[in-house]
Structures are given as C-alpha cells and as structure tokens.
Amino acid sequence: MSHVSEKGPFFHGTKADLKVGDFLTAGFRSNYRPDVIMNHIYFTALPDGAGLAAELASGDGEPRVYAVEPTGEFEDDPNVTDKKFPGNPTRSYRSRAPLRVIGEIADWTRLTPEALRTWKERLAALHADERAQIIN
C-alpha cells in the first residue's frame, strides 16, 4: 500500500443500517460490477462522494453515509486516481483492513431523481461492457 497523507475525516456510503462500533469489511460484491467480489473496502474524505456511493449501493435500504475510521493501512483508489482523474480529486481510498463506524452523517447532498437515473444508466452501460473492469 502506498503512503497517503490524508488524515480524514472519512466517510462510507451504503444502504446498510449500521451502528457506532460496527465494522465494514471487504469480501462483498461490487455495487458497480456484481460479478466481482471486492478485496478492499472503499471510502472517501468527501461526504457527498459517500452519498453518491450510498445512492448507487445495491439493496433496498435507505441510503446512508457513515463517518468511518480506517483500522489499517489504506491507499488511493486506483479505479479513479490517475486512471480517470489526475491525482486524487475525489479523495477516494481503499483498504484491506476494516473500517470502524464512528457515526452517521445526515448532512450530505441527495441526488435528484434525474441525476440518480443518469448514474444508474451509466452503471448499466458499465455492466454491459465486458471491457470495463475494476482494479481489485
């Protein structure tokens, strides 16, 4: 894992109903490529970035954003860092170690129905493209 100077706070978006002290771990299906079991847990330093992930997360629950604390080393998310955007403007990270939930965040920007539909259409196009891959 590369050295990251980011100190947080950090956030994770999901539809899971979690409590303070719960842990988020790798080993679940990707929200973006359901045929892939993820080797990392992803998080961001931007509450609205976590909100986008929450809105797009699989499942039927209510989108939620949690403040999280990494319990181990982490690195820039290579799926967006430099591959799609120079540097790390999304402030997105990943870790093999669990994330500890330290609170729920209510102050994040929800997507409009139109924006959510557009994002879901983009994801559907990714699912259909066999060349699209996740750096796992």
N, C-alpha and C. Protein backbone atom coordinates (compact mmCIF):
# COMPACT_ATOMS: atom_id res chain seq x y z
N MET A 1 0.84 -1.18 0.00
CA MET A 1 0.00 0.00 0.00
C MET A 1 0.89 1.24 0.00
N SER A 2 0.46 2.21 -0.74
CA SER A 2 1.23 3.45 -0.80
C SER A 2 0.93 4.33 0.40
N HIS A 3 1.84 5.24 0.68
CA HIS A 3 1.62 6.18 1.78
C HIS A 3 0.62 7.24 1.35
N VAL A 4 -0.37 7.48 2.17
CA VAL A 4 -1.37 8.51 1.92
C VAL A 4 -1.31 9.49 3.07
N SER A 5 -1.25 10.79 2.75
CA SER A 5 -1.13 11.80 3.81
C SER A 5 -2.48 12.25 4.35
N GLU A 6 -3.56 11.83 3.72
CA GLU A 6 -4.91 12.22 4.16
C GLU A 6 -5.16 11.75 5.59
N LYS A 7 -5.73 12.64 6.38
CA LYS A 7 -5.99 12.32 7.79
C LYS A 7 -7.49 12.25 8.11
N GLY A 8 -8.34 12.53 7.13
CA GLY A 8 -9.77 12.46 7.37
C GLY A 8 -10.34 13.78 7.80
N PRO A 9 -11.59 13.80 8.18
CA PRO A 9 -12.46 12.65 8.44
C PRO A 9 -12.79 11.89 7.16
N PHE A 10 -13.24 10.65 7.35
CA PHE A 10 -13.55 9.77 6.24
C PHE A 10 -15.01 9.31 6.31
N PHE A 11 -15.55 8.94 5.13
CA PHE A 11 -16.96 8.59 5.02
C PHE A 11 -17.14 7.38 4.11
N HIS A 12 -18.19 6.62 4.38
CA HIS A 12 -18.56 5.47 3.56
C HIS A 12 -20.06 5.53 3.33
N GLY A 13 -20.47 5.34 2.07
CA GLY A 13 -21.89 5.33 1.73
C GLY A 13 -22.39 3.92 1.47
N THR A 14 -23.57 3.61 2.01
CA THR A 14 -24.14 2.27 1.89
C THR A 14 -25.64 2.33 2.14
N LYS A 15 -26.31 1.24 1.91
CA LYS A 15 -27.72 1.12 2.29
C LYS A 15 -27.88 0.26 3.53
N ALA A 16 -26.76 -0.17 4.10
CA ALA A 16 -26.80 -0.98 5.32
C ALA A 16 -27.14 -0.11 6.52
N ASP A 17 -27.90 -0.65 7.44
CA ASP A 17 -28.26 0.03 8.68
C ASP A 17 -27.24 -0.37 9.74
N LEU A 18 -26.31 0.53 10.04
CA LEU A 18 -25.19 0.22 10.93
C LEU A 18 -25.25 1.03 12.21
N LYS A 19 -24.48 0.58 13.20
CA LYS A 19 -24.40 1.27 14.49
C LYS A 19 -22.95 1.67 14.74
N VAL A 20 -22.76 2.66 15.60
CA VAL A 20 -21.42 3.05 16.00
C VAL A 20 -20.72 1.81 16.57
N GLY A 21 -19.50 1.59 16.15
CA GLY A 21 -18.72 0.44 16.58
C GLY A 21 -18.75 -0.72 15.61
N ASP A 22 -19.72 -0.74 14.68
CA ASP A 22 -19.76 -1.79 13.67
C ASP A 22 -18.55 -1.65 12.74
N PHE A 23 -18.22 -2.74 12.07
CA PHE A 23 -17.11 -2.73 11.13
C PHE A 23 -17.61 -3.01 9.72
N LEU A 24 -17.06 -2.29 8.76
CA LEU A 24 -17.28 -2.54 7.34
C LEU A 24 -16.06 -3.28 6.83
N THR A 25 -16.27 -4.36 6.08
CA THR A 25 -15.17 -5.18 5.63
C THR A 25 -15.25 -5.45 4.14
N ALA A 26 -14.12 -5.84 3.59
CA ALA A 26 -14.07 -6.28 2.19
C ALA A 26 -14.72 -7.66 2.10
N GLY A 27 -14.86 -8.15 0.86
CA GLY A 27 -15.37 -9.50 0.65
C GLY A 27 -16.80 -9.57 0.17
N PHE A 28 -17.36 -8.42 -0.21
CA PHE A 28 -18.73 -8.38 -0.71
C PHE A 28 -18.73 -8.05 -2.20
N ARG A 29 -19.86 -8.26 -2.84
CA ARG A 29 -19.99 -7.97 -4.27
C ARG A 29 -19.90 -6.46 -4.52
N SER A 30 -19.29 -6.13 -5.64
CA SER A 30 -19.18 -4.73 -6.06
C SER A 30 -20.56 -4.19 -6.43
N ASN A 31 -20.82 -2.95 -6.05
CA ASN A 31 -22.06 -2.29 -6.48
C ASN A 31 -22.01 -1.95 -7.96
N TYR A 32 -20.82 -1.91 -8.53
CA TYR A 32 -20.64 -1.47 -9.90
C TYR A 32 -20.42 -2.63 -10.86
N ARG A 33 -20.00 -3.75 -10.36
CA ARG A 33 -19.77 -4.97 -11.13
C ARG A 33 -20.11 -6.14 -10.23
N PRO A 34 -21.39 -6.51 -10.11
CA PRO A 34 -21.84 -7.51 -9.13
C PRO A 34 -21.18 -8.88 -9.26
N ASP A 35 -20.54 -9.16 -10.39
CA ASP A 35 -19.86 -10.43 -10.54
C ASP A 35 -18.48 -10.44 -9.87
N VAL A 36 -18.06 -9.29 -9.33
CA VAL A 36 -16.75 -9.16 -8.69
C VAL A 36 -16.90 -9.10 -7.17
N ILE A 37 -16.18 -9.97 -6.46
CA ILE A 37 -16.11 -9.90 -5.00
C ILE A 37 -14.93 -8.98 -4.67
N MET A 38 -15.19 -7.97 -3.89
CA MET A 38 -14.20 -6.92 -3.64
C MET A 38 -13.17 -7.34 -2.59
N ASN A 39 -11.91 -7.06 -2.88
CA ASN A 39 -10.80 -7.35 -1.97
C ASN A 39 -10.53 -6.18 -1.01
N HIS A 40 -11.21 -5.07 -1.23
CA HIS A 40 -10.98 -3.87 -0.44
C HIS A 40 -12.33 -3.27 -0.01
N ILE A 41 -12.28 -2.43 1.01
CA ILE A 41 -13.42 -1.61 1.41
C ILE A 41 -13.05 -0.19 1.01
N TYR A 42 -14.00 0.52 0.42
CA TYR A 42 -13.74 1.84 -0.16
C TYR A 42 -14.36 2.93 0.71
N PHE A 43 -13.71 4.09 0.70
CA PHE A 43 -14.19 5.23 1.46
C PHE A 43 -13.63 6.51 0.87
N THR A 44 -14.11 7.63 1.33
CA THR A 44 -13.73 8.93 0.80
C THR A 44 -13.65 9.96 1.91
N ALA A 45 -12.98 11.05 1.61
CA ALA A 45 -12.93 12.17 2.55
C ALA A 45 -14.02 13.20 2.23
N LEU A 46 -14.88 12.89 1.26
CA LEU A 46 -15.94 13.82 0.85
C LEU A 46 -17.31 13.23 1.18
N PRO A 47 -18.06 13.85 2.09
CA PRO A 47 -19.38 13.32 2.44
C PRO A 47 -20.29 13.11 1.23
N ASP A 48 -20.27 14.04 0.27
CA ASP A 48 -21.15 13.89 -0.89
C ASP A 48 -20.69 12.76 -1.81
N GLY A 49 -19.39 12.47 -1.83
CA GLY A 49 -18.90 11.31 -2.58
C GLY A 49 -19.42 10.03 -1.97
N ALA A 50 -19.42 9.97 -0.65
CA ALA A 50 -20.00 8.80 0.04
C ALA A 50 -21.50 8.75 -0.20
N GLY A 51 -22.13 9.92 -0.28
CA GLY A 51 -23.57 9.97 -0.57
C GLY A 51 -23.89 9.39 -1.94
N LEU A 52 -23.07 9.70 -2.92
CA LEU A 52 -23.26 9.13 -4.26
C LEU A 52 -23.15 7.61 -4.19
N ALA A 53 -22.14 7.11 -3.49
CA ALA A 53 -21.99 5.66 -3.33
C ALA A 53 -23.20 5.06 -2.63
N ALA A 54 -23.73 5.76 -1.63
CA ALA A 54 -24.91 5.27 -0.91
C ALA A 54 -26.11 5.18 -1.83
N GLU A 55 -26.30 6.19 -2.64
CA GLU A 55 -27.44 6.21 -3.57
C GLU A 55 -27.35 5.08 -4.58
N LEU A 56 -26.12 4.73 -4.98
CA LEU A 56 -25.92 3.70 -6.01
C LEU A 56 -25.73 2.30 -5.44
N ALA A 57 -25.62 2.19 -4.12
CA ALA A 57 -25.39 0.90 -3.49
C ALA A 57 -26.54 -0.06 -3.77
N SER A 58 -26.21 -1.33 -3.84
CA SER A 58 -27.25 -2.33 -4.05
C SER A 58 -28.06 -2.50 -2.77
N GLY A 59 -29.22 -3.08 -2.92
CA GLY A 59 -30.09 -3.30 -1.77
C GLY A 59 -31.28 -2.36 -1.78
N ASP A 60 -32.17 -2.61 -0.84
CA ASP A 60 -33.41 -1.84 -0.79
C ASP A 60 -33.44 -0.84 0.35
N GLY A 61 -32.42 -0.79 1.16
CA GLY A 61 -32.41 0.09 2.32
C GLY A 61 -32.30 1.56 1.93
N GLU A 62 -32.41 2.39 2.94
CA GLU A 62 -32.27 3.83 2.76
C GLU A 62 -30.78 4.17 2.60
N PRO A 63 -30.43 5.02 1.63
CA PRO A 63 -29.02 5.42 1.50
C PRO A 63 -28.55 6.12 2.77
N ARG A 64 -27.37 5.73 3.25
CA ARG A 64 -26.82 6.29 4.49
C ARG A 64 -25.34 6.60 4.28
N VAL A 65 -24.89 7.62 4.98
CA VAL A 65 -23.47 7.97 4.98
C VAL A 65 -22.98 7.88 6.41
N TYR A 66 -21.89 7.16 6.57
CA TYR A 66 -21.30 6.97 7.89
C TYR A 66 -19.91 7.59 7.95
N ALA A 67 -19.60 8.20 9.08
CA ALA A 67 -18.23 8.59 9.37
C ALA A 67 -17.52 7.31 9.77
N VAL A 68 -16.34 7.09 9.20
CA VAL A 68 -15.61 5.85 9.45
C VAL A 68 -14.16 6.16 9.80
N GLU A 69 -13.55 5.16 10.41
CA GLU A 69 -12.15 5.26 10.80
C GLU A 69 -11.43 4.02 10.28
N PRO A 70 -10.42 4.22 9.43
CA PRO A 70 -9.66 3.06 8.97
C PRO A 70 -8.94 2.39 10.14
N THR A 71 -8.90 1.06 10.14
CA THR A 71 -8.22 0.33 11.21
C THR A 71 -6.85 -0.18 10.76
N GLY A 72 -6.49 0.10 9.53
CA GLY A 72 -5.20 -0.33 8.99
C GLY A 72 -4.76 0.60 7.89
N GLU A 73 -3.75 0.16 7.16
CA GLU A 73 -3.23 0.96 6.05
C GLU A 73 -4.27 1.10 4.96
N PHE A 74 -4.15 2.20 4.21
CA PHE A 74 -5.03 2.42 3.07
C PHE A 74 -4.26 3.13 1.98
N GLU A 75 -4.84 3.10 0.77
CA GLU A 75 -4.19 3.70 -0.40
C GLU A 75 -5.21 4.45 -1.23
N ASP A 76 -4.71 5.28 -2.15
CA ASP A 76 -5.60 5.93 -3.11
C ASP A 76 -6.34 4.86 -3.89
N ASP A 77 -7.59 5.12 -4.22
CA ASP A 77 -8.40 4.19 -5.02
C ASP A 77 -7.89 4.23 -6.46
N PRO A 78 -7.25 3.17 -6.95
CA PRO A 78 -6.69 3.20 -8.30
C PRO A 78 -7.76 3.20 -9.40
N ASN A 79 -9.00 2.94 -9.05
CA ASN A 79 -10.07 2.95 -10.05
C ASN A 79 -10.41 4.37 -10.51
N VAL A 80 -10.06 5.34 -9.70
CA VAL A 80 -10.30 6.74 -10.10
C VAL A 80 -9.02 7.56 -10.10
N THR A 81 -8.08 7.24 -9.23
CA THR A 81 -6.85 8.02 -9.12
C THR A 81 -5.97 7.79 -10.33
N ASP A 82 -5.62 8.84 -11.01
CA ASP A 82 -4.75 8.84 -12.17
C ASP A 82 -5.33 8.07 -13.37
N LYS A 83 -6.10 7.01 -13.13
CA LYS A 83 -6.70 6.27 -14.25
C LYS A 83 -7.76 7.13 -14.93
N LYS A 84 -8.57 7.80 -14.13
CA LYS A 84 -9.64 8.63 -14.67
C LYS A 84 -9.43 10.11 -14.39
N PHE A 85 -8.79 10.41 -13.27
CA PHE A 85 -8.57 11.80 -12.87
C PHE A 85 -7.12 11.95 -12.41
N PRO A 86 -6.41 12.99 -12.85
CA PRO A 86 -5.05 13.20 -12.35
C PRO A 86 -5.06 13.44 -10.84
N GLY A 87 -4.16 12.79 -10.13
CA GLY A 87 -4.11 12.95 -8.68
C GLY A 87 -5.26 12.20 -8.05
N ASN A 88 -5.84 12.77 -7.02
CA ASN A 88 -6.98 12.15 -6.34
C ASN A 88 -8.00 13.22 -5.95
N PRO A 89 -8.61 13.89 -6.94
CA PRO A 89 -9.58 14.95 -6.61
C PRO A 89 -10.84 14.43 -5.92
N THR A 90 -11.15 13.14 -6.09
CA THR A 90 -12.32 12.57 -5.43
C THR A 90 -12.01 12.19 -4.00
N ARG A 91 -10.73 12.25 -3.63
CA ARG A 91 -10.27 11.89 -2.28
C ARG A 91 -10.83 10.52 -1.89
N SER A 92 -10.68 9.57 -2.82
CA SER A 92 -11.19 8.21 -2.65
C SER A 92 -10.05 7.27 -2.29
N TYR A 93 -10.34 6.36 -1.36
CA TYR A 93 -9.34 5.46 -0.82
C TYR A 93 -9.90 4.05 -0.69
N ARG A 94 -9.00 3.11 -0.45
CA ARG A 94 -9.43 1.75 -0.21
C ARG A 94 -8.46 1.09 0.77
N SER A 95 -8.97 0.05 1.45
CA SER A 95 -8.17 -0.68 2.43
C SER A 95 -8.60 -2.13 2.47
N ARG A 96 -7.67 -3.00 2.80
CA ARG A 96 -8.00 -4.40 3.05
C ARG A 96 -8.46 -4.57 4.50
N ALA A 97 -8.09 -3.62 5.35
CA ALA A 97 -8.46 -3.66 6.77
C ALA A 97 -9.87 -3.09 6.94
N PRO A 98 -10.59 -3.51 7.96
CA PRO A 98 -11.95 -2.99 8.18
C PRO A 98 -11.97 -1.49 8.47
N LEU A 99 -13.14 -0.92 8.25
CA LEU A 99 -13.42 0.46 8.66
C LEU A 99 -14.36 0.39 9.86
N ARG A 100 -14.08 1.16 10.87
CA ARG A 100 -14.94 1.22 12.07
C ARG A 100 -15.92 2.38 11.89
N VAL A 101 -17.20 2.12 12.10
CA VAL A 101 -18.23 3.17 12.04
C VAL A 101 -18.13 4.00 13.32
N ILE A 102 -17.98 5.32 13.15
CA ILE A 102 -17.90 6.20 14.32
C ILE A 102 -19.08 7.16 14.41
N GLY A 103 -19.96 7.13 13.41
CA GLY A 103 -21.17 7.95 13.47
C GLY A 103 -21.88 7.96 12.13
N GLU A 104 -23.12 8.42 12.14
CA GLU A 104 -23.88 8.58 10.89
C GLU A 104 -23.94 10.07 10.57
N ILE A 105 -23.82 10.39 9.28
CA ILE A 105 -23.82 11.77 8.81
C ILE A 105 -25.16 12.05 8.13
N ALA A 106 -25.82 13.10 8.57
CA ALA A 106 -27.11 13.46 7.97
C ALA A 106 -26.97 14.57 6.93
N ASP A 107 -25.89 15.32 7.00
CA ASP A 107 -25.72 16.50 6.15
C ASP A 107 -24.91 16.16 4.89
N TRP A 108 -25.58 15.50 3.94
CA TRP A 108 -24.97 15.23 2.65
C TRP A 108 -26.02 15.49 1.58
N THR A 109 -25.56 15.78 0.38
CA THR A 109 -26.44 16.19 -0.71
C THR A 109 -27.02 14.97 -1.42
N ARG A 110 -28.34 14.84 -1.41
CA ARG A 110 -29.02 13.75 -2.13
C ARG A 110 -29.07 14.08 -3.61
N LEU A 111 -29.01 13.04 -4.44
CA LEU A 111 -29.15 13.22 -5.88
C LEU A 111 -30.60 13.51 -6.23
N THR A 112 -30.78 14.29 -7.27
CA THR A 112 -32.13 14.48 -7.79
C THR A 112 -32.55 13.17 -8.46
N PRO A 113 -33.83 12.94 -8.63
CA PRO A 113 -34.26 11.72 -9.34
C PRO A 113 -33.64 11.62 -10.74
N GLU A 114 -33.49 12.75 -11.42
CA GLU A 114 -32.90 12.75 -12.76
C GLU A 114 -31.43 12.36 -12.71
N ALA A 115 -30.70 12.91 -11.76
CA ALA A 115 -29.28 12.59 -11.62
C ALA A 115 -29.09 11.13 -11.25
N LEU A 116 -29.93 10.62 -10.36
CA LEU A 116 -29.85 9.21 -9.96
C LEU A 116 -30.11 8.31 -11.16
N ARG A 117 -31.10 8.66 -11.98
CA ARG A 117 -31.41 7.88 -13.18
C ARG A 117 -30.21 7.88 -14.14
N THR A 118 -29.57 9.03 -14.32
CA THR A 118 -28.40 9.14 -15.20
C THR A 118 -27.26 8.26 -14.70
N TRP A 119 -26.99 8.31 -13.40
CA TRP A 119 -25.93 7.46 -12.83
C TRP A 119 -26.26 5.99 -13.01
N LYS A 120 -27.50 5.60 -12.79
CA LYS A 120 -27.89 4.20 -12.95
C LYS A 120 -27.77 3.75 -14.40
N GLU A 121 -28.05 4.64 -15.34
CA GLU A 121 -27.87 4.33 -16.76
C GLU A 121 -26.39 4.12 -17.07
N ARG A 122 -25.52 4.95 -16.49
CA ARG A 122 -24.07 4.79 -16.68
C ARG A 122 -23.61 3.44 -16.13
N LEU A 123 -24.12 3.07 -14.96
CA LEU A 123 -23.75 1.78 -14.38
C LEU A 123 -24.24 0.61 -15.23
N ALA A 124 -25.44 0.74 -15.77
CA ALA A 124 -25.97 -0.32 -16.64
C ALA A 124 -25.08 -0.48 -17.87
N ALA A 125 -24.60 0.63 -18.42
CA ALA A 125 -23.69 0.56 -19.57
C ALA A 125 -22.37 -0.11 -19.18
N LEU A 126 -21.87 0.18 -17.98
CA LEU A 126 -20.65 -0.48 -17.50
C LEU A 126 -20.85 -1.99 -17.34
N HIS A 127 -22.00 -2.38 -16.79
CA HIS A 127 -22.29 -3.80 -16.61
C HIS A 127 -22.31 -4.53 -17.94
N ALA A 128 -22.78 -3.84 -18.97
CA ALA A 128 -22.90 -4.45 -20.29
C ALA A 128 -21.55 -4.49 -21.04
N ASP A 129 -20.59 -3.71 -20.60
CA ASP A 129 -19.31 -3.61 -21.29
C ASP A 129 -18.32 -4.58 -20.64
N GLU A 130 -18.00 -5.66 -21.35
CA GLU A 130 -17.10 -6.66 -20.79
C GLU A 130 -15.68 -6.13 -20.61
N ARG A 131 -15.34 -5.04 -21.29
CA ARG A 131 -14.01 -4.46 -21.16
C ARG A 131 -13.88 -3.61 -19.90
N ALA A 132 -15.02 -3.17 -19.34
CA ALA A 132 -14.98 -2.37 -18.12
C ALA A 132 -14.52 -3.27 -16.98
N GLN A 133 -13.56 -2.81 -16.22
CA GLN A 133 -13.06 -3.64 -15.14
C GLN A 133 -12.81 -2.80 -13.89
N ILE A 134 -12.75 -3.50 -12.79
CA ILE A 134 -12.43 -2.89 -11.51
C ILE A 134 -11.02 -3.36 -11.15
N ILE A 135 -10.17 -2.41 -10.78
CA ILE A 135 -8.85 -2.79 -10.29
C ILE A 135 -9.06 -3.27 -8.86
N ASN A 136 -9.03 -4.57 -8.68
CA ASN A 136 -9.38 -5.18 -7.40
C ASN A 136 -8.11 -5.56 -6.67
